[in-house]
């Protein structure tokens, strides 16, 4: 009787309804070649479109399942992106709180409109009209302001690409 109860309890616990979330993929097995043309840029930030496009291509290549090219022709799927806004704002001040205060930390926010579609189809696989990432950076001294901003943009591009590809490909 005890043995039967133990077996019944064990079998019953296997169907408890618990499961791991985010373990699947949303990849159509017929997609072998993905096109990632240059992201359109409405931000006016020089070179940002090239940096973001290159990082997205690199991130897709890391997945190892696809050939990825920077064009829209002769592909199975297409990543169409537009950089909508790039905003940099001071989020930290140094010095006194009066007129002598200077920005010591900045927040950079990038927002894009991205659509992932199967070539030759009007059906969207994944889309987000306000895909957004952010990165903070310290100014340091005034002479290194633009160098630090470029470093922050490089980090931002990496985070953008990782988050975008994960959102497009993984079943969350």
N, C-alpha and C. Protein backbone atom coordinates (compact mmCIF):
# COMPACT_ATOMS: atom_id res chain seq x y z
N UNK A 1 0.83 -1.19 0.00
CA UNK A 1 0.00 0.00 0.00
C UNK A 1 0.88 1.26 0.00
N UNK A 2 1.92 1.23 0.83
CA UNK A 2 2.84 2.38 0.88
C UNK A 2 3.53 2.58 -0.47
N UNK A 3 3.95 1.48 -1.05
CA UNK A 3 4.65 1.55 -2.33
C UNK A 3 3.72 2.14 -3.40
N UNK A 4 2.49 1.74 -3.44
CA UNK A 4 1.51 2.25 -4.41
C UNK A 4 1.27 3.75 -4.20
N UNK A 5 1.20 4.17 -2.93
CA UNK A 5 1.00 5.58 -2.63
C UNK A 5 2.22 6.40 -3.07
N UNK A 6 3.43 5.86 -2.86
CA UNK A 6 4.66 6.55 -3.26
C UNK A 6 4.73 6.68 -4.78
N UNK A 7 4.39 5.63 -5.50
CA UNK A 7 4.39 5.67 -6.96
C UNK A 7 3.36 6.67 -7.45
N UNK A 8 2.19 6.66 -6.87
CA UNK A 8 1.14 7.60 -7.26
C UNK A 8 1.56 9.04 -7.00
N UNK A 9 2.19 9.28 -5.86
CA UNK A 9 2.67 10.63 -5.52
C UNK A 9 3.75 11.08 -6.49
N UNK A 10 4.67 10.20 -6.83
CA UNK A 10 5.75 10.53 -7.76
C UNK A 10 5.20 10.84 -9.14
N UNK A 11 4.33 10.02 -9.64
CA UNK A 11 3.74 10.23 -10.96
C UNK A 11 2.91 11.51 -10.96
N UNK A 12 2.17 11.75 -9.90
CA UNK A 12 1.36 12.96 -9.80
C UNK A 12 2.19 14.23 -9.80
N UNK A 13 3.37 14.19 -9.20
CA UNK A 13 4.21 15.39 -9.13
C UNK A 13 4.85 15.72 -10.47
N UNK A 14 4.98 14.73 -11.36
CA UNK A 14 5.57 15.00 -12.67
C UNK A 14 4.68 15.89 -13.52
N UNK A 15 3.40 15.85 -13.31
CA UNK A 15 2.47 16.66 -14.09
C UNK A 15 1.98 17.86 -13.32
N UNK A 16 2.84 18.47 -12.50
CA UNK A 16 2.42 19.54 -11.61
C UNK A 16 2.20 20.87 -12.31
N UNK A 17 2.64 20.99 -13.56
CA UNK A 17 2.42 22.23 -14.29
C UNK A 17 3.60 23.19 -14.26
N UNK A 18 4.65 22.85 -13.54
CA UNK A 18 5.82 23.71 -13.53
C UNK A 18 6.64 23.47 -14.78
N UNK A 19 7.17 24.56 -15.33
CA UNK A 19 8.01 24.45 -16.52
C UNK A 19 8.96 25.63 -16.56
N UNK A 20 10.08 25.45 -17.22
CA UNK A 20 11.02 26.54 -17.40
C UNK A 20 10.51 27.47 -18.50
N UNK A 21 10.62 28.75 -18.26
CA UNK A 21 10.16 29.74 -19.22
C UNK A 21 11.38 30.26 -19.98
N UNK A 22 11.19 30.59 -21.27
CA UNK A 22 12.26 31.18 -22.04
C UNK A 22 13.29 30.19 -22.52
N UNK A 23 12.94 28.93 -22.61
CA UNK A 23 13.88 27.92 -23.02
C UNK A 23 13.74 27.55 -24.49
N UNK A 24 12.75 28.08 -25.16
CA UNK A 24 12.54 27.73 -26.56
C UNK A 24 13.09 28.81 -27.47
N UNK A 25 12.86 28.62 -28.74
CA UNK A 25 13.25 29.63 -29.71
C UNK A 25 12.08 29.87 -30.64
N UNK A 26 12.08 31.04 -31.21
CA UNK A 26 11.02 31.40 -32.16
C UNK A 26 11.62 31.45 -33.56
N UNK A 27 12.45 30.47 -33.88
CA UNK A 27 13.16 30.47 -35.15
C UNK A 27 12.49 29.51 -36.11
N UNK A 28 12.09 30.01 -37.24
CA UNK A 28 11.54 29.19 -38.30
C UNK A 28 12.70 28.40 -38.91
N UNK A 29 12.62 27.08 -38.95
CA UNK A 29 13.74 26.28 -39.46
C UNK A 29 14.05 26.53 -40.93
N UNK A 30 13.12 27.13 -41.66
CA UNK A 30 13.39 27.42 -43.08
C UNK A 30 14.25 28.67 -43.26
N UNK A 31 14.48 29.42 -42.19
CA UNK A 31 15.29 30.63 -42.28
C UNK A 31 16.76 30.25 -42.13
N UNK A 32 17.48 30.41 -43.22
CA UNK A 32 18.91 30.09 -43.24
C UNK A 32 19.77 31.34 -43.46
N UNK A 33 19.19 32.32 -44.13
CA UNK A 33 19.94 33.53 -44.49
C UNK A 33 19.12 34.76 -44.09
N UNK A 34 19.72 35.62 -43.27
CA UNK A 34 19.04 36.81 -42.77
C UNK A 34 19.71 38.06 -43.34
N UNK A 35 18.90 38.96 -43.82
CA UNK A 35 19.40 40.23 -44.33
C UNK A 35 19.22 41.32 -43.28
N UNK A 36 20.29 42.08 -43.05
CA UNK A 36 20.24 43.21 -42.12
C UNK A 36 20.78 44.44 -42.85
N UNK A 37 19.93 45.09 -43.64
CA UNK A 37 20.40 46.30 -44.32
C UNK A 37 20.69 47.40 -43.30
N UNK A 38 21.44 48.39 -43.72
CA UNK A 38 21.80 49.50 -42.85
C UNK A 38 20.55 50.09 -42.20
N UNK A 39 20.57 50.21 -40.88
CA UNK A 39 19.45 50.82 -40.16
C UNK A 39 19.31 52.27 -40.64
N UNK A 40 18.09 52.70 -40.89
CA UNK A 40 17.86 54.10 -41.21
C UNK A 40 18.10 54.92 -39.95
N UNK A 41 18.56 56.14 -40.11
CA UNK A 41 18.92 56.94 -38.94
C UNK A 41 18.22 58.29 -38.95
N UNK A 42 17.29 58.46 -38.02
CA UNK A 42 16.59 59.74 -37.87
C UNK A 42 17.17 60.53 -36.70
N UNK A 43 18.27 60.04 -36.10
CA UNK A 43 18.82 60.69 -34.91
C UNK A 43 19.80 61.81 -35.24
N UNK A 44 20.45 61.73 -36.38
CA UNK A 44 21.46 62.73 -36.71
C UNK A 44 22.81 62.48 -36.04
N UNK A 45 22.95 61.37 -35.32
CA UNK A 45 24.21 61.05 -34.64
C UNK A 45 25.11 60.33 -35.64
N UNK A 46 26.19 60.97 -36.03
CA UNK A 46 27.08 60.46 -37.08
C UNK A 46 27.62 59.07 -36.76
N UNK A 47 27.47 58.16 -37.71
CA UNK A 47 28.03 56.82 -37.61
C UNK A 47 27.25 55.84 -36.75
N UNK A 48 26.21 56.30 -36.08
CA UNK A 48 25.44 55.44 -35.19
C UNK A 48 24.76 54.31 -35.97
N UNK A 49 24.21 54.63 -37.14
CA UNK A 49 23.54 53.61 -37.95
C UNK A 49 24.47 52.48 -38.34
N UNK A 50 25.70 52.81 -38.72
CA UNK A 50 26.67 51.79 -39.11
C UNK A 50 27.09 50.93 -37.93
N UNK A 51 27.30 51.57 -36.80
CA UNK A 51 27.73 50.85 -35.60
C UNK A 51 26.64 49.87 -35.13
N UNK A 52 25.40 50.32 -35.09
CA UNK A 52 24.30 49.48 -34.65
C UNK A 52 24.09 48.32 -35.63
N UNK A 53 24.06 48.61 -36.92
CA UNK A 53 23.87 47.57 -37.92
C UNK A 53 24.96 46.51 -37.82
N UNK A 54 26.21 46.93 -37.69
CA UNK A 54 27.32 45.99 -37.60
C UNK A 54 27.20 45.11 -36.36
N UNK A 55 26.83 45.70 -35.24
CA UNK A 55 26.70 44.91 -34.00
C UNK A 55 25.54 43.91 -34.08
N UNK A 56 24.45 44.29 -34.73
CA UNK A 56 23.32 43.37 -34.89
C UNK A 56 23.75 42.19 -35.77
N UNK A 57 24.47 42.46 -36.84
CA UNK A 57 24.97 41.40 -37.71
C UNK A 57 25.89 40.46 -36.92
N UNK A 58 26.82 41.04 -36.15
CA UNK A 58 27.74 40.23 -35.35
C UNK A 58 27.00 39.35 -34.35
N UNK A 59 25.97 39.91 -33.72
CA UNK A 59 25.21 39.16 -32.72
C UNK A 59 24.44 38.00 -33.38
N UNK A 60 23.87 38.23 -34.54
CA UNK A 60 23.19 37.16 -35.26
C UNK A 60 24.17 36.07 -35.69
N UNK A 61 25.36 36.47 -36.10
CA UNK A 61 26.37 35.49 -36.50
C UNK A 61 26.82 34.63 -35.31
N UNK A 62 26.83 35.21 -34.12
CA UNK A 62 27.20 34.44 -32.92
C UNK A 62 26.25 33.28 -32.68
N UNK A 63 25.02 33.41 -33.16
CA UNK A 63 24.04 32.34 -32.98
C UNK A 63 24.43 31.10 -33.79
N UNK A 64 25.24 31.29 -34.84
CA UNK A 64 25.77 30.17 -35.60
C UNK A 64 24.78 29.43 -36.48
N UNK A 65 23.57 29.86 -36.55
CA UNK A 65 22.56 29.15 -37.33
C UNK A 65 22.32 29.76 -38.70
N UNK A 66 22.81 30.96 -38.91
CA UNK A 66 22.43 31.70 -40.10
C UNK A 66 23.64 32.25 -40.84
N UNK A 67 23.42 32.48 -42.13
CA UNK A 67 24.29 33.37 -42.88
C UNK A 67 23.63 34.73 -42.73
N UNK A 68 24.41 35.74 -42.46
CA UNK A 68 23.86 37.08 -42.27
C UNK A 68 24.58 38.02 -43.23
N UNK A 69 23.80 38.77 -44.00
CA UNK A 69 24.37 39.70 -44.96
C UNK A 69 23.74 41.07 -44.77
N UNK A 70 24.42 42.09 -45.27
CA UNK A 70 23.94 43.45 -45.10
C UNK A 70 23.19 43.92 -46.34
N UNK A 71 22.21 43.13 -46.75
CA UNK A 71 21.36 43.51 -47.88
C UNK A 71 19.99 42.88 -47.73
N UNK A 72 19.05 43.33 -48.52
CA UNK A 72 17.68 42.86 -48.41
C UNK A 72 17.31 41.82 -49.46
N UNK A 73 18.17 41.61 -50.45
CA UNK A 73 17.87 40.67 -51.53
C UNK A 73 18.45 39.29 -51.25
N UNK A 74 17.80 38.27 -51.80
CA UNK A 74 18.26 36.88 -51.69
C UNK A 74 18.42 36.42 -50.25
N UNK A 75 17.43 36.72 -49.41
CA UNK A 75 17.46 36.30 -48.01
C UNK A 75 16.13 35.60 -47.67
N UNK A 76 16.15 34.83 -46.58
CA UNK A 76 14.94 34.15 -46.11
C UNK A 76 14.16 35.03 -45.13
N UNK A 77 14.88 35.90 -44.42
CA UNK A 77 14.24 36.80 -43.45
C UNK A 77 14.98 38.13 -43.47
N UNK A 78 14.30 39.16 -42.98
CA UNK A 78 14.85 40.51 -43.04
C UNK A 78 14.64 41.24 -41.72
N UNK A 79 15.70 41.88 -41.25
CA UNK A 79 15.62 42.75 -40.07
C UNK A 79 15.64 44.18 -40.59
N UNK A 80 14.52 44.86 -40.45
CA UNK A 80 14.39 46.24 -40.94
C UNK A 80 14.36 47.16 -39.73
N UNK A 81 15.33 48.06 -39.64
CA UNK A 81 15.40 48.93 -38.46
C UNK A 81 15.56 50.39 -38.79
N UNK A 82 15.04 51.20 -37.88
CA UNK A 82 15.19 52.65 -37.98
C UNK A 82 15.51 53.18 -36.58
N UNK A 83 16.61 53.92 -36.47
CA UNK A 83 16.97 54.55 -35.21
C UNK A 83 16.13 55.81 -35.09
N UNK A 84 15.24 55.83 -34.13
CA UNK A 84 14.25 56.89 -34.00
C UNK A 84 14.76 58.05 -33.17
N UNK A 85 15.42 57.74 -32.04
CA UNK A 85 15.93 58.84 -31.21
C UNK A 85 17.19 58.42 -30.47
N UNK A 86 18.06 59.39 -30.30
CA UNK A 86 19.28 59.26 -29.51
C UNK A 86 19.28 60.45 -28.57
N UNK A 87 19.28 60.16 -27.29
CA UNK A 87 19.20 61.25 -26.32
C UNK A 87 20.31 61.09 -25.30
N UNK A 88 21.01 62.15 -25.03
CA UNK A 88 22.05 62.16 -24.01
C UNK A 88 21.69 63.27 -23.03
N UNK A 89 21.62 62.90 -21.74
CA UNK A 89 21.25 63.91 -20.75
C UNK A 89 22.07 63.72 -19.49
N UNK A 90 22.36 64.83 -18.83
CA UNK A 90 23.10 64.79 -17.58
C UNK A 90 22.24 64.17 -16.49
N UNK A 91 22.83 63.23 -15.75
CA UNK A 91 22.10 62.61 -14.64
C UNK A 91 22.87 62.73 -13.32
N UNK A 92 24.05 63.31 -13.39
CA UNK A 92 24.84 63.52 -12.17
C UNK A 92 25.60 64.82 -12.27
N UNK A 93 25.72 65.52 -11.15
CA UNK A 93 26.42 66.80 -11.11
C UNK A 93 27.58 66.73 -10.13
N UNK A 94 28.62 67.48 -10.45
CA UNK A 94 29.74 67.59 -9.52
C UNK A 94 29.88 69.06 -9.13
N UNK A 95 30.58 69.30 -8.07
CA UNK A 95 30.72 70.67 -7.59
C UNK A 95 29.55 71.04 -6.70
N UNK A 96 29.44 72.33 -6.42
CA UNK A 96 28.32 72.75 -5.56
C UNK A 96 27.03 72.77 -6.37
N UNK A 97 25.93 72.95 -5.70
CA UNK A 97 24.63 72.89 -6.37
C UNK A 97 24.23 74.21 -7.00
N UNK A 98 25.10 75.18 -6.97
CA UNK A 98 24.79 76.48 -7.55
C UNK A 98 25.14 76.54 -9.02
N UNK A 99 25.55 77.72 -9.46
CA UNK A 99 25.85 77.92 -10.87
C UNK A 99 27.14 77.25 -11.30
N UNK A 100 27.98 76.82 -10.36
CA UNK A 100 29.25 76.19 -10.71
C UNK A 100 29.14 74.68 -10.90
N UNK A 101 27.97 74.12 -10.69
CA UNK A 101 27.79 72.67 -10.85
C UNK A 101 27.99 72.28 -12.31
N UNK A 102 28.67 71.15 -12.51
CA UNK A 102 28.91 70.65 -13.86
C UNK A 102 28.44 69.21 -13.96
N UNK A 103 28.03 68.84 -15.15
CA UNK A 103 27.59 67.46 -15.37
C UNK A 103 28.78 66.53 -15.23
N UNK A 104 28.61 65.47 -14.42
CA UNK A 104 29.68 64.50 -14.22
C UNK A 104 29.30 63.11 -14.73
N UNK A 105 28.03 62.90 -14.96
CA UNK A 105 27.54 61.60 -15.44
C UNK A 105 26.40 61.85 -16.42
N UNK A 106 26.42 61.10 -17.51
CA UNK A 106 25.39 61.22 -18.54
C UNK A 106 24.68 59.89 -18.76
N UNK A 107 23.46 59.99 -19.20
CA UNK A 107 22.66 58.84 -19.59
C UNK A 107 22.38 58.97 -21.08
N UNK A 108 22.68 57.91 -21.83
CA UNK A 108 22.42 57.88 -23.26
C UNK A 108 21.30 56.87 -23.49
N UNK A 109 20.26 57.29 -24.19
CA UNK A 109 19.12 56.42 -24.48
C UNK A 109 18.93 56.36 -26.00
N UNK A 110 18.86 55.15 -26.52
CA UNK A 110 18.64 54.93 -27.95
C UNK A 110 17.32 54.19 -28.12
N UNK A 111 16.48 54.72 -28.99
CA UNK A 111 15.19 54.09 -29.28
C UNK A 111 15.12 53.80 -30.78
N UNK A 112 14.65 52.61 -31.11
CA UNK A 112 14.58 52.21 -32.51
C UNK A 112 13.24 51.55 -32.81
N UNK A 113 12.91 51.54 -34.08
CA UNK A 113 11.74 50.83 -34.59
C UNK A 113 12.31 49.67 -35.41
N UNK A 114 11.98 48.44 -35.01
CA UNK A 114 12.57 47.27 -35.65
C UNK A 114 11.47 46.28 -36.02
N UNK A 115 11.62 45.70 -37.21
CA UNK A 115 10.68 44.69 -37.67
C UNK A 115 11.48 43.53 -38.26
N UNK A 116 11.12 42.31 -37.84
CA UNK A 116 11.75 41.09 -38.32
C UNK A 116 10.69 40.31 -39.08
N UNK A 117 10.87 40.14 -40.38
CA UNK A 117 9.87 39.49 -41.22
C UNK A 117 10.49 38.39 -42.06
N UNK A 118 9.66 37.47 -42.45
CA UNK A 118 10.09 36.44 -43.38
C UNK A 118 10.01 37.04 -44.78
N UNK A 119 11.03 36.84 -45.59
CA UNK A 119 11.07 37.42 -46.93
C UNK A 119 9.91 36.91 -47.77
N UNK A 120 9.30 37.81 -48.50
CA UNK A 120 8.19 37.46 -49.37
C UNK A 120 6.87 37.30 -48.65
N UNK A 121 6.84 37.65 -47.37
CA UNK A 121 5.62 37.51 -46.59
C UNK A 121 5.28 38.85 -45.95
N UNK A 122 4.01 39.11 -45.80
CA UNK A 122 3.59 40.33 -45.12
C UNK A 122 3.46 40.12 -43.63
N UNK A 123 3.52 38.86 -43.20
CA UNK A 123 3.40 38.53 -41.78
C UNK A 123 4.70 38.83 -41.04
N UNK A 124 4.58 39.55 -39.94
CA UNK A 124 5.74 39.91 -39.14
C UNK A 124 6.04 38.80 -38.13
N UNK A 125 7.31 38.42 -38.04
CA UNK A 125 7.73 37.43 -37.05
C UNK A 125 7.84 38.11 -35.68
N UNK A 126 8.43 39.30 -35.67
CA UNK A 126 8.60 40.06 -34.44
C UNK A 126 8.72 41.54 -34.81
N UNK A 127 8.17 42.41 -33.99
CA UNK A 127 8.28 43.85 -34.24
C UNK A 127 8.18 44.61 -32.92
N UNK A 128 8.86 45.74 -32.89
CA UNK A 128 8.78 46.64 -31.74
C UNK A 128 9.00 48.05 -32.25
N UNK A 129 8.02 48.92 -32.07
CA UNK A 129 8.12 50.30 -32.54
C UNK A 129 8.87 51.21 -31.59
N UNK A 130 9.18 50.73 -30.40
CA UNK A 130 9.91 51.57 -29.44
C UNK A 130 10.91 50.72 -28.64
N UNK A 131 11.75 50.01 -29.38
CA UNK A 131 12.79 49.20 -28.75
C UNK A 131 13.85 50.15 -28.20
N UNK A 132 14.10 50.09 -26.91
CA UNK A 132 14.95 51.10 -26.27
C UNK A 132 16.00 50.46 -25.37
N UNK A 133 17.22 51.02 -25.41
CA UNK A 133 18.29 50.64 -24.49
C UNK A 133 18.96 51.91 -23.99
N UNK A 134 19.64 51.77 -22.86
CA UNK A 134 20.32 52.94 -22.29
C UNK A 134 21.66 52.55 -21.70
N UNK A 135 22.55 53.53 -21.57
CA UNK A 135 23.88 53.34 -21.01
C UNK A 135 24.28 54.63 -20.30
N UNK A 136 24.92 54.50 -19.16
CA UNK A 136 25.43 55.67 -18.44
C UNK A 136 26.94 55.73 -18.58
N UNK A 137 27.47 56.95 -18.51
CA UNK A 137 28.92 57.12 -18.57
C UNK A 137 29.35 58.34 -17.78
N UNK A 138 30.54 58.24 -17.20
CA UNK A 138 31.12 59.34 -16.43
C UNK A 138 31.93 60.23 -17.35
N UNK A 139 31.84 61.53 -17.13
CA UNK A 139 32.53 62.49 -17.97
C UNK A 139 34.03 62.49 -17.70
N UNK A 140 34.44 62.42 -16.45
CA UNK A 140 35.85 62.58 -16.14
C UNK A 140 36.22 64.04 -16.35
N UNK A 141 37.38 64.29 -16.94
CA UNK A 141 37.73 65.69 -17.23
C UNK A 141 37.15 66.10 -18.58
N UNK A 142 37.03 67.38 -18.78
CA UNK A 142 36.36 67.91 -19.97
C UNK A 142 37.06 67.50 -21.26
N UNK A 143 38.37 67.28 -21.23
CA UNK A 143 39.11 66.93 -22.45
C UNK A 143 38.75 65.54 -22.96
N UNK A 144 38.23 64.67 -22.10
CA UNK A 144 37.91 63.30 -22.53
C UNK A 144 36.41 63.11 -22.77
N UNK A 145 35.64 64.19 -22.81
CA UNK A 145 34.19 64.10 -22.95
C UNK A 145 33.78 63.27 -24.16
N UNK A 146 34.32 63.58 -25.35
CA UNK A 146 33.89 62.90 -26.56
C UNK A 146 34.41 61.46 -26.62
N UNK A 147 35.61 61.21 -26.09
CA UNK A 147 36.12 59.84 -26.03
C UNK A 147 35.22 58.97 -25.17
N UNK A 148 34.83 59.49 -24.02
CA UNK A 148 33.97 58.73 -23.12
C UNK A 148 32.60 58.50 -23.74
N UNK A 149 32.10 59.49 -24.46
CA UNK A 149 30.81 59.32 -25.11
C UNK A 149 30.91 58.23 -26.18
N UNK A 150 31.99 58.20 -26.94
CA UNK A 150 32.17 57.15 -27.96
C UNK A 150 32.24 55.77 -27.32
N UNK A 151 32.92 55.67 -26.19
CA UNK A 151 32.99 54.39 -25.47
C UNK A 151 31.59 53.98 -25.00
N UNK A 152 30.83 54.93 -24.52
CA UNK A 152 29.45 54.64 -24.08
C UNK A 152 28.60 54.19 -25.26
N UNK A 153 28.79 54.81 -26.41
CA UNK A 153 28.03 54.42 -27.61
C UNK A 153 28.42 53.01 -28.04
N UNK A 154 29.70 52.66 -27.96
CA UNK A 154 30.14 51.31 -28.28
C UNK A 154 29.46 50.29 -27.36
N UNK A 155 29.44 50.58 -26.06
CA UNK A 155 28.77 49.68 -25.11
C UNK A 155 27.27 49.62 -25.40
N UNK A 156 26.69 50.77 -25.68
CA UNK A 156 25.26 50.85 -25.99
C UNK A 156 24.93 50.01 -27.22
N UNK A 157 25.76 50.07 -28.25
CA UNK A 157 25.53 49.29 -29.47
C UNK A 157 25.57 47.79 -29.17
N UNK A 158 26.50 47.37 -28.31
CA UNK A 158 26.58 45.96 -27.93
C UNK A 158 25.36 45.50 -27.17
N UNK A 159 24.92 46.30 -26.21
CA UNK A 159 23.72 45.97 -25.42
C UNK A 159 22.49 45.97 -26.33
N UNK A 160 22.40 46.94 -27.20
CA UNK A 160 21.30 47.03 -28.15
C UNK A 160 21.20 45.75 -28.97
N UNK A 161 22.32 45.33 -29.56
CA UNK A 161 22.33 44.15 -30.42
C UNK A 161 21.98 42.88 -29.65
N UNK A 162 22.58 42.69 -28.47
CA UNK A 162 22.28 41.49 -27.67
C UNK A 162 20.81 41.43 -27.30
N UNK A 163 20.27 42.53 -26.81
CA UNK A 163 18.87 42.56 -26.40
C UNK A 163 17.93 42.39 -27.59
N UNK A 164 18.26 43.00 -28.71
CA UNK A 164 17.42 42.91 -29.89
C UNK A 164 17.37 41.48 -30.42
N UNK A 165 18.53 40.87 -30.58
CA UNK A 165 18.56 39.51 -31.13
C UNK A 165 17.88 38.53 -30.17
N UNK A 166 18.10 38.71 -28.88
CA UNK A 166 17.42 37.85 -27.91
C UNK A 166 15.90 38.01 -28.00
N UNK A 167 15.43 39.23 -28.12
CA UNK A 167 13.98 39.47 -28.23
C UNK A 167 13.42 38.87 -29.52
N UNK A 168 14.16 38.98 -30.61
CA UNK A 168 13.70 38.47 -31.89
C UNK A 168 13.70 36.94 -31.95
N UNK A 169 14.69 36.31 -31.34
CA UNK A 169 14.91 34.89 -31.53
C UNK A 169 14.42 33.98 -30.41
N UNK A 170 14.33 34.49 -29.20
CA UNK A 170 14.02 33.62 -28.09
C UNK A 170 12.56 33.73 -27.70
N UNK A 171 12.00 32.64 -27.31
CA UNK A 171 10.56 32.57 -27.01
C UNK A 171 10.30 33.00 -25.57
N UNK A 172 10.26 34.29 -25.34
CA UNK A 172 9.93 34.81 -24.00
C UNK A 172 8.55 35.39 -24.03
